[in-house]
PDB file of N, CA and C in Angstrom:
ATOM      1  N   MET A   1     105.179 118.724  90.658  1.00  0.00           N
ATOM      2  CA  MET A   1     104.867 117.543  91.451  1.00  0.00           C
ATOM      3  C   MET A   1     106.054 117.233  92.364  1.00  0.00           C
ATOM      4  N   ARG A   2     105.752 116.828  93.582  1.00  0.00           N
ATOM      5  CA  ARG A   2     106.797 116.469  94.539  1.00  0.00           C
ATOM      6  C   ARG A   2     107.479 115.172  94.123  1.00  0.00           C
ATOM      7  N   SER A   3     108.678 114.974  94.647  1.00  0.00           N
ATOM      8  CA  SER A   3     109.376 113.715  94.395  1.00  0.00           C
ATOM      9  C   SER A   3     108.631 112.580  95.103  1.00  0.00           C
ATOM     10  N   GLY A   4     108.941 111.360  94.733  1.00  0.00           N
ATOM     11  CA  GLY A   4     108.315 110.207  95.365  1.00  0.00           C
ATOM     12  C   GLY A   4     108.561 110.164  96.859  1.00  0.00           C
ATOM     13  N   LEU A   5     109.796 110.444  97.283  1.00  0.00           N
ATOM     14  CA  LEU A   5     110.112 110.420  98.713  1.00  0.00           C
ATOM     15  C   LEU A   5     109.347 111.500  99.465  1.00  0.00           C
ATOM     16  N   ALA A   6     109.289 112.694  98.921  1.00  0.00           N
ATOM     17  CA  ALA A   6     108.557 113.776  99.581  1.00  0.00           C
ATOM     18  C   ALA A   6     107.071 113.445  99.666  1.00  0.00           C
ATOM     19  N   THR A   7     106.530 112.845  98.632  1.00  0.00           N
ATOM     20  CA  THR A   7     105.123 112.464  98.629  1.00  0.00           C
ATOM     21  C   THR A   7     104.864 111.394  99.675  1.00  0.00           C
ATOM     22  N   LEU A   8     105.726 110.382  99.745  1.00  0.00           N
ATOM     23  CA  LEU A   8     105.552 109.320 100.735  1.00  0.00           C
ATOM     24  C   LEU A   8     105.657 109.863 102.157  1.00  0.00           C
ATOM     25  N   ARG A   9     106.589 110.770 102.396  1.00  0.00           N
ATOM     26  CA  ARG A   9     106.742 111.360 103.732  1.00  0.00           C
ATOM     27  C   ARG A   9     105.499 112.134 104.162  1.00  0.00           C
ATOM     28  N   ALA A  10     104.744 112.645 103.200  1.00  0.00           N
ATOM     29  CA  ALA A  10     103.537 113.417 103.505  1.00  0.00           C
ATOM     30  C   ALA A  10     102.336 112.527 103.834  1.00  0.00           C
ATOM     31  N   VAL A  11     102.448 111.228 103.608  1.00  0.00           N
ATOM     32  CA  VAL A  11     101.357 110.296 103.899  1.00  0.00           C
ATOM     33  C   VAL A  11     101.486 109.858 105.357  1.00  0.00           C
ATOM     34  N   PRO A  12     100.465 110.123 106.179  1.00  0.00           N
ATOM     35  CA  PRO A  12     100.572 109.822 107.612  1.00  0.00           C
ATOM     36  C   PRO A  12     101.027 108.403 107.946  1.00  0.00           C
ATOM     37  N   MET A  13     100.587 107.400 107.202  1.00  0.00           N
ATOM     38  CA  MET A  13     100.971 106.032 107.551  1.00  0.00           C
ATOM     39  C   MET A  13     102.440 105.718 107.244  1.00  0.00           C
ATOM     40  N   PHE A  14     103.116 106.588 106.487  1.00  0.00           N
ATOM     41  CA  PHE A  14     104.519 106.367 106.141  1.00  0.00           C
ATOM     42  C   PHE A  14     105.464 107.374 106.786  1.00  0.00           C
ATOM     43  N   GLU A  15     104.951 108.421 107.404  1.00  0.00           N
ATOM     44  CA  GLU A  15     105.785 109.529 107.872  1.00  0.00           C
ATOM     45  C   GLU A  15     106.827 109.137 108.914  1.00  0.00           C
ATOM     46  N   ARG A  16     106.626 108.069 109.647  1.00  0.00           N
ATOM     47  CA  ARG A  16     107.578 107.668 110.686  1.00  0.00           C
ATOM     48  C   ARG A  16     108.562 106.581 110.242  1.00  0.00           C
ATOM     49  N   LEU A  17     108.465 106.155 109.001  1.00  0.00           N
ATOM     50  CA  LEU A  17     109.403 105.148 108.509  1.00  0.00           C
ATOM     51  C   LEU A  17     110.803 105.743 108.431  1.00  0.00           C
ATOM     52  N   ASP A  18     111.806 104.916 108.749  1.00  0.00           N
ATOM     53  CA  ASP A  18     113.168 105.437 108.627  1.00  0.00           C
ATOM     54  C   ASP A  18     113.522 105.580 107.144  1.00  0.00           C
ATOM     55  N   GLY A  19     114.556 106.343 106.879  1.00  0.00           N
ATOM     56  CA  GLY A  19     114.945 106.674 105.516  1.00  0.00           C
ATOM     57  C   GLY A  19     115.199 105.474 104.632  1.00  0.00           C
ATOM     58  N   ARG A  20     115.807 104.416 105.189  1.00  0.00           N
ATOM     59  CA  ARG A  20     116.105 103.215 104.405  1.00  0.00           C
ATOM     60  C   ARG A  20     114.814 102.539 103.948  1.00  0.00           C
ATOM     61  N   LEU A  21     113.870 102.369 104.869  1.00  0.00           N
ATOM     62  CA  LEU A  21     112.599 101.736 104.512  1.00  0.00           C
ATOM     63  C   LEU A  21     111.799 102.611 103.541  1.00  0.00           C
ATOM     64  N   LEU A  22     111.824 103.910 103.773  1.00  0.00           N
ATOM     65  CA  LEU A  22     111.119 104.814 102.881  1.00  0.00           C
ATOM     66  C   LEU A  22     111.715 104.760 101.471  1.00  0.00           C
ATOM     67  N   GLY A  23     113.034 104.638 101.391  1.00  0.00           N
ATOM     68  CA  GLY A  23     113.695 104.496 100.097  1.00  0.00           C
ATOM     69  C   GLY A  23     113.295 103.211  99.389  1.00  0.00           C
ATOM     70  N   GLN A  24     113.179 102.119 100.152  1.00  0.00           N
ATOM     71  CA  GLN A  24     112.744 100.850  99.558  1.00  0.00           C
ATOM     72  C   GLN A  24     111.309 100.947  99.059  1.00  0.00           C
ATOM     73  N   LEU A  25     110.477 101.613  99.840  1.00  0.00           N
ATOM     74  CA  LEU A  25     109.090 101.802  99.426  1.00  0.00           C
ATOM     75  C   LEU A  25     109.012 102.676  98.177  1.00  0.00           C
ATOM     76  N   ASP A  26     109.824 103.722  98.152  1.00  0.00           N
ATOM     77  CA  ASP A  26     109.856 104.606  96.994  1.00  0.00           C
ATOM     78  C   ASP A  26     110.262 103.855  95.722  1.00  0.00           C
ATOM     79  N   ALA A  27     111.161 102.899  95.859  1.00  0.00           N
ATOM     80  CA  ALA A  27     111.648 102.139  94.702  1.00  0.00           C
ATOM     81  C   ALA A  27     110.540 101.316  94.034  1.00  0.00           C
ATOM     82  N   ILE A  28     109.495 100.969  94.788  1.00  0.00           N
ATOM     83  CA  ILE A  28     108.413 100.164  94.216  1.00  0.00           C
ATOM     84  C   ILE A  28     107.111 100.961  94.094  1.00  0.00           C
ATOM     85  N   THR A  29     107.201 102.276  94.306  1.00  0.00           N
ATOM     86  CA  THR A  29     106.018 103.132  94.254  1.00  0.00           C
ATOM     87  C   THR A  29     105.837 103.713  92.864  1.00  0.00           C
ATOM     88  N   GLU A  30     104.591 103.768  92.438  1.00  0.00           N
ATOM     89  CA  GLU A  30     104.247 104.401  91.172  1.00  0.00           C
ATOM     90  C   GLU A  30     103.215 105.481  91.466  1.00  0.00           C
ATOM     91  N   LEU A  31     103.577 106.739  91.218  1.00  0.00           N
ATOM     92  CA  LEU A  31     102.648 107.852  91.415  1.00  0.00           C
ATOM     93  C   LEU A  31     101.836 108.040  90.142  1.00  0.00           C
ATOM     94  N   LEU A  32     100.537 108.040  90.278  1.00  0.00           N
ATOM     95  CA  LEU A  32      99.657 108.160  89.121  1.00  0.00           C
ATOM     96  C   LEU A  32      98.658 109.281  89.305  1.00  0.00           C
ATOM     97  N   SER A  33      98.304 109.899  88.218  1.00  0.00           N
ATOM     98  CA  SER A  33      97.182 110.826  88.169  1.00  0.00           C
ATOM     99  C   SER A  33      96.193 110.196  87.207  1.00  0.00           C
ATOM    100  N   VAL A  34      94.985 109.935  87.663  1.00  0.00           N
ATOM    101  CA  VAL A  34      94.014 109.235  86.812  1.00  0.00           C
ATOM    102  C   VAL A  34      92.848 110.148  86.465  1.00  0.00           C
ATOM    103  N   GLU A  35      92.235 109.847  85.362  1.00  0.00           N
ATOM    104  CA  GLU A  35      91.084 110.602  84.875  1.00  0.00           C
ATOM    105  C   GLU A  35      89.828 110.229  85.663  1.00  0.00           C
ATOM    106  N   PRO A  36      88.862 111.136  85.722  1.00  0.00           N
ATOM    107  CA  PRO A  36      87.585 110.797  86.365  1.00  0.00           C
ATOM    108  C   PRO A  36      86.953 109.566  85.722  1.00  0.00           C
ATOM    109  N   HIS A  37      86.301 108.775  86.530  1.00  0.00           N
ATOM    110  CA  HIS A  37      85.564 107.574  86.114  1.00  0.00           C
ATOM    111  C   HIS A  37      86.467 106.430  85.654  1.00  0.00           C
ATOM    112  N   GLN A  38      87.752 106.535  85.885  1.00  0.00           N
ATOM    113  CA  GLN A  38      88.657 105.444  85.517  1.00  0.00           C
ATOM    114  C   GLN A  38      88.556 104.340  86.558  1.00  0.00           C
ATOM    115  N   GLU A  39      88.433 103.103  86.109  1.00  0.00           N
ATOM    116  CA  GLU A  39      88.365 101.957  87.013  1.00  0.00           C
ATOM    117  C   GLU A  39      89.772 101.611  87.479  1.00  0.00           C
ATOM    118  N   LEU A  40      89.956 101.541  88.788  1.00  0.00           N
ATOM    119  CA  LEU A  40      91.270 101.241  89.348  1.00  0.00           C
ATOM    120  C   LEU A  40      91.416  99.762  89.698  1.00  0.00           C
ATOM    121  N   CYS A  41      90.353  99.155  90.123  1.00  0.00           N
ATOM    122  CA  CYS A  41      90.360  97.719  90.412  1.00  0.00           C
ATOM    123  C   CYS A  41      88.925  97.217  90.330  1.00  0.00           C
ATOM    124  N   ARG A  42      88.806  95.924  90.149  1.00  0.00           N
ATOM    125  CA  ARG A  42      87.496  95.310  89.941  1.00  0.00           C
ATOM    126  C   ARG A  42      87.158  94.398  91.111  1.00  0.00           C
ATOM    127  N   GLN A  43      85.901  94.396  91.475  1.00  0.00           N
ATOM    128  CA  GLN A  43      85.401  93.543  92.546  1.00  0.00           C
ATOM    129  C   GLN A  43      85.746  92.084  92.251  1.00  0.00           C
ATOM    130  N   GLY A  44      86.323  91.411  93.227  1.00  0.00           N
ATOM    131  CA  GLY A  44      86.664  89.999  93.085  1.00  0.00           C
ATOM    132  C   GLY A  44      88.051  89.738  92.538  1.00  0.00           C
ATOM    133  N   ALA A  45      88.687  90.742  91.964  1.00  0.00           N
ATOM    134  CA  ALA A  45      90.040  90.576  91.419  1.00  0.00           C
ATOM    135  C   ALA A  45      91.059  90.643  92.554  1.00  0.00           C
ATOM    136  N   ILE A  46      92.143  89.943  92.392  1.00  0.00           N
ATOM    137  CA  ILE A  46      93.217  89.988  93.383  1.00  0.00           C
ATOM    138  C   ILE A  46      93.982  91.288  93.178  1.00  0.00           C
ATOM    139  N   PRO A  47      94.048  92.128  94.209  1.00  0.00           N
ATOM    140  CA  PRO A  47      94.735  93.412  94.038  1.00  0.00           C
ATOM    141  C   PRO A  47      96.231  93.240  93.839  1.00  0.00           C
ATOM    142  N   ALA A  48      96.773  94.100  92.994  1.00  0.00           N
ATOM    143  CA  ALA A  48      98.205  94.060  92.714  1.00  0.00           C
ATOM    144  C   ALA A  48      98.964  95.119  93.492  1.00  0.00           C
ATOM    145  N   ALA A  49      98.245  96.071  94.091  1.00  0.00           N
ATOM    146  CA  ALA A  49      98.926  97.173  94.763  1.00  0.00           C
ATOM    147  C   ALA A  49      98.036  97.790  95.826  1.00  0.00           C
ATOM    148  N   LEU A  50      98.683  98.459  96.742  1.00  0.00           N
ATOM    149  CA  LEU A  50      97.988  99.296  97.712  1.00  0.00           C
ATOM    150  C   LEU A  50      97.775 100.653  97.053  1.00  0.00           C
ATOM    151  N   HIS A  51      96.589 101.188  97.134  1.00  0.00           N
ATOM    152  CA  HIS A  51      96.283 102.502  96.566  1.00  0.00           C
ATOM    153  C   HIS A  51      96.197 103.511  97.701  1.00  0.00           C
ATOM    154  N   VAL A  52      96.902 104.627  97.557  1.00  0.00           N
ATOM    155  CA  VAL A  52      96.834 105.712  98.525  1.00  0.00           C
ATOM    156  C   VAL A  52      96.295 106.932  97.787  1.00  0.00           C
ATOM    157  N   LEU A  53      95.148 107.404  98.223  1.00  0.00           N
ATOM    158  CA  LEU A  53      94.502 108.545  97.582  1.00  0.00           C
ATOM    159  C   LEU A  53      95.055 109.828  98.183  1.00  0.00           C
ATOM    160  N   LEU A  54      95.697 110.638  97.346  1.00  0.00           N
ATOM    161  CA  LEU A  54      96.315 111.888  97.793  1.00  0.00           C
ATOM    162  C   LEU A  54      95.502 113.116  97.419  1.00  0.00           C
ATOM    163  N   ASP A  55      94.656 113.003  96.405  1.00  0.00           N
ATOM    164  CA  ASP A  55      93.884 114.139  95.933  1.00  0.00           C
ATOM    165  C   ASP A  55      92.635 113.617  95.238  1.00  0.00           C
ATOM    166  N   GLY A  56      91.552 114.366  95.284  1.00  0.00           N
ATOM    167  CA  GLY A  56      90.322 113.967  94.613  1.00  0.00           C
ATOM    168  C   GLY A  56      89.481 113.052  95.473  1.00  0.00           C
ATOM    169  N   GLN A  57      88.743 112.168  94.836  1.00  0.00           N
ATOM    170  CA  GLN A  57      87.941 111.195  95.566  1.00  0.00           C
ATOM    171  C   GLN A  57      87.821 109.910  94.757  1.00  0.00           C
ATOM    172  N   VAL A  58      87.543 108.835  95.476  1.00  0.00           N
ATOM    173  CA  VAL A  58      87.358 107.522  94.865  1.00  0.00           C
ATOM    174  C   VAL A  58      86.039 106.967  95.378  1.00  0.00           C
ATOM    175  N   VAL A  59      85.257 106.414  94.472  1.00  0.00           N
ATOM    176  CA  VAL A  59      83.997 105.776  94.833  1.00  0.00           C
ATOM    177  C   VAL A  59      84.216 104.266  94.791  1.00  0.00           C
ATOM    178  N   LEU A  60      83.950 103.611  95.912  1.00  0.00           N
ATOM    179  CA  LEU A  60      84.006 102.153  95.968  1.00  0.00           C
ATOM    180  C   LEU A  60      82.581 101.651  95.779  1.00  0.00           C
ATOM    181  N   SER A  61      82.389 100.825  94.778  1.00  0.00           N
ATOM    182  CA  SER A  61      81.053 100.308  94.498  1.00  0.00           C
ATOM    183  C   SER A  61      81.120  98.793  94.416  1.00  0.00           C
ATOM    184  N   GLY A  62      79.979  98.173  94.570  1.00  0.00           N
ATOM    185  CA  GLY A  62      79.904  96.720  94.499  1.00  0.00           C
ATOM    186  C   GLY A  62      78.722  96.300  93.650  1.00  0.00           C
ATOM    187  N   MET A  63      78.793  95.070  93.143  1.00  0.00           N
ATOM    188  CA  MET A  63      77.729  94.547  92.313  1.00  0.00           C
ATOM    189  C   MET A  63      77.146  93.304  92.975  1.00  0.00           C
ATOM    190  N   ALA A  64      75.835  93.267  93.053  1.00  0.00           N
ATOM    191  CA  ALA A  64      75.115  92.130  93.622  1.00  0.00           C
ATOM    192  C   ALA A  64      74.995  91.025  92.573  1.00  0.00           C
ATOM    193  N   PRO A  65      74.646  89.807  93.001  1.00  0.00           N
ATOM    194  CA  PRO A  65      74.475  88.707  92.034  1.00  0.00           C
ATOM    195  C   PRO A  65      73.479  89.021  90.909  1.00  0.00           C
ATOM    196  N   ASP A  66      72.480  89.885  91.194  1.00  0.00           N
ATOM    197  CA  ASP A  66      71.520  90.238  90.140  1.00  0.00           C
ATOM    198  C   ASP A  66      72.016  91.395  89.268  1.00  0.00           C
ATOM    199  N   GLU A  67      73.304  91.758  89.446  1.00  0.00           N
ATOM    200  CA  GLU A  67      74.007  92.779  88.669  1.00  0.00           C
ATOM    201  C   GLU A  67      73.566  94.214  88.955  1.00  0.00           C
ATOM    202  N   THR A  68      72.836  94.424  90.056  1.00  0.00           N
ATOM    203  CA  THR A  68      72.581  95.789  90.474  1.00  0.00           C
ATOM    204  C   THR A  68      73.841  96.307  91.160  1.00  0.00           C
ATOM    205  N   GLN A  69      74.106  97.584  90.983  1.00  0.00           N
ATOM    206  CA  GLN A  69      75.334  98.170  91.512  1.00  0.00           C
ATOM    207  C   GLN A  69      74.973  99.209  92.564  1.00  0.00           C
ATOM    208  N   ALA A  70      75.793  99.276  93.622  1.00  0.00           N
ATOM    209  CA  ALA A  70      75.563 100.237  94.685  1.00  0.00           C
ATOM    210  C   ALA A  70      76.885 100.840  95.137  1.00  0.00           C
ATOM    211  N   VAL A  71      76.840 102.114  95.512  1.00  0.00           N
ATOM    212  CA  VAL A  71      78.019 102.776  96.069  1.00  0.00           C
ATOM    213  C   VAL A  71      78.158 102.312  97.517  1.00  0.00           C
ATOM    214  N   MET A  72      79.342 101.800  97.843  1.00  0.00           N
ATOM    215  CA  MET A  72      79.608 101.301  99.187  1.00  0.00           C
ATOM    216  C   MET A  72      80.245 102.378 100.068  1.00  0.00           C
ATOM    217  N   GLU A  73      81.114 103.178  99.450  1.00  0.00           N
ATOM    218  CA  GLU A  73      81.834 104.196 100.204  1.00  0.00           C
ATOM    219  C   GLU A  73      82.439 105.208  99.236  1.00  0.00           C
ATOM    220  N   VAL A  74      82.554 106.454  99.697  1.00  0.00           N
ATOM    221  CA  VAL A  74      83.252 107.496  98.953  1.00  0.00           C
ATOM    222  C   VAL A  74      84.463 107.888  99.780  1.00  0.00           C
ATOM    223  N   LEU A  75      85.653 107.745  99.192  1.00  0.00           N
ATOM    224  CA  LEU A  75      86.899 108.024  99.907  1.00  0.00           C
ATOM    225  C   LEU A  75      87.446 109.377  99.499  1.00  0.00           C
ATOM    226  N   ARG A  76      88.034 110.050 100.478  1.00  0.00           N
ATOM    227  CA  ARG A  76      88.680 111.341 100.241  1.00  0.00           C
ATOM    228  C   ARG A  76      90.085 111.287 100.826  1.00  0.00           C
ATOM    229  N   PRO A  77      90.958 112.180 100.384  1.00  0.00           N
ATOM    230  CA  PRO A  77      92.358 112.161 100.835  1.00  0.00           C
ATOM    231  C   PRO A  77      92.496 112.461 102.329  1.00  0.00           C
ATOM    232  N   VAL A  78      93.506 112.043 102.895  1.00  0.00           N
ATOM    233  CA  VAL A  78      94.507 111.045 102.522  1.00  0.00           C
ATOM    234  C   VAL A  78      94.025 109.733 103.118  1.00  0.00           C
ATOM    235  N   THR A  79      93.811 108.765 102.276  1.00  0.00           N
ATOM    236  CA  THR A  79      93.367 107.452 102.715  1.00  0.00           C
ATOM    237  C   THR A  79      93.903 106.390 101.769  1.00  0.00           C
ATOM    238  N   CYS A  80      93.866 105.154 102.230  1.00  0.00           N
ATOM    239  CA  CYS A  80      94.291 104.046 101.362  1.00  0.00           C
ATOM    240  C   CYS A  80      93.132 103.082 101.209  1.00  0.00           C
ATOM    241  N   PHE A  81      93.192 102.297 100.146  1.00  0.00           N
ATOM    242  CA  PHE A  81      92.174 101.279  99.951  1.00  0.00           C
ATOM    243  C   PHE A  81      92.802 100.033  99.362  1.00  0.00           C
ATOM    244  N   VAL A  82      92.111  98.935  99.490  1.00  0.00           N
ATOM    245  CA  VAL A  82      92.520  97.544  99.262  1.00  0.00           C
ATOM    246  C   VAL A  82      93.665  97.143 100.212  1.00  0.00           C
ATOM    247  N   LEU A  83      93.775  97.828 101.348  1.00  0.00           N
ATOM    248  CA  LEU A  83      94.834  97.544 102.314  1.00  0.00           C
ATOM    249  C   LEU A  83      94.768  96.114 102.842  1.00  0.00           C
ATOM    250  N   ALA A  84      93.600  95.671 103.275  1.00  0.00           N
ATOM    251  CA  ALA A  84      93.487  94.330 103.852  1.00  0.00           C
ATOM    252  C   ALA A  84      93.844  93.243 102.830  1.00  0.00           C
ATOM    253  N   ALA A  85      93.452  93.454 101.588  1.00  0.00           N
ATOM    254  CA  ALA A  85      93.728  92.471 100.538  1.00  0.00           C
ATOM    255  C   ALA A  85      95.188  92.419 100.156  1.00  0.00           C
ATOM    256  N   VAL A  86      95.872  93.564 100.236  1.00  0.00           N
ATOM    257  CA  VAL A  86      97.286  93.620  99.860  1.00  0.00           C
ATOM    258  C   VAL A  86      98.104  93.027 100.969  1.00  0.00           C
TER     259      VAL A  86
END
């Protein structure tokens, strides 16, 4: 696995940050590998972090008031999600 700095530099939205800012971002970054079907965040919850998808895919789904669930979007690398909320 690449170092945190090398991984951040490979993300298009961070590639132009200067070294000092990238280092600060690296200090608060947590690289995770998650299992399939793991819930990363819940609808309506206040997000605690920006998620950047580097590999695999993420399904964003929503639940209606009658508790029916629908897939809203399928994300593939390299993309981020919960950006507006963070």
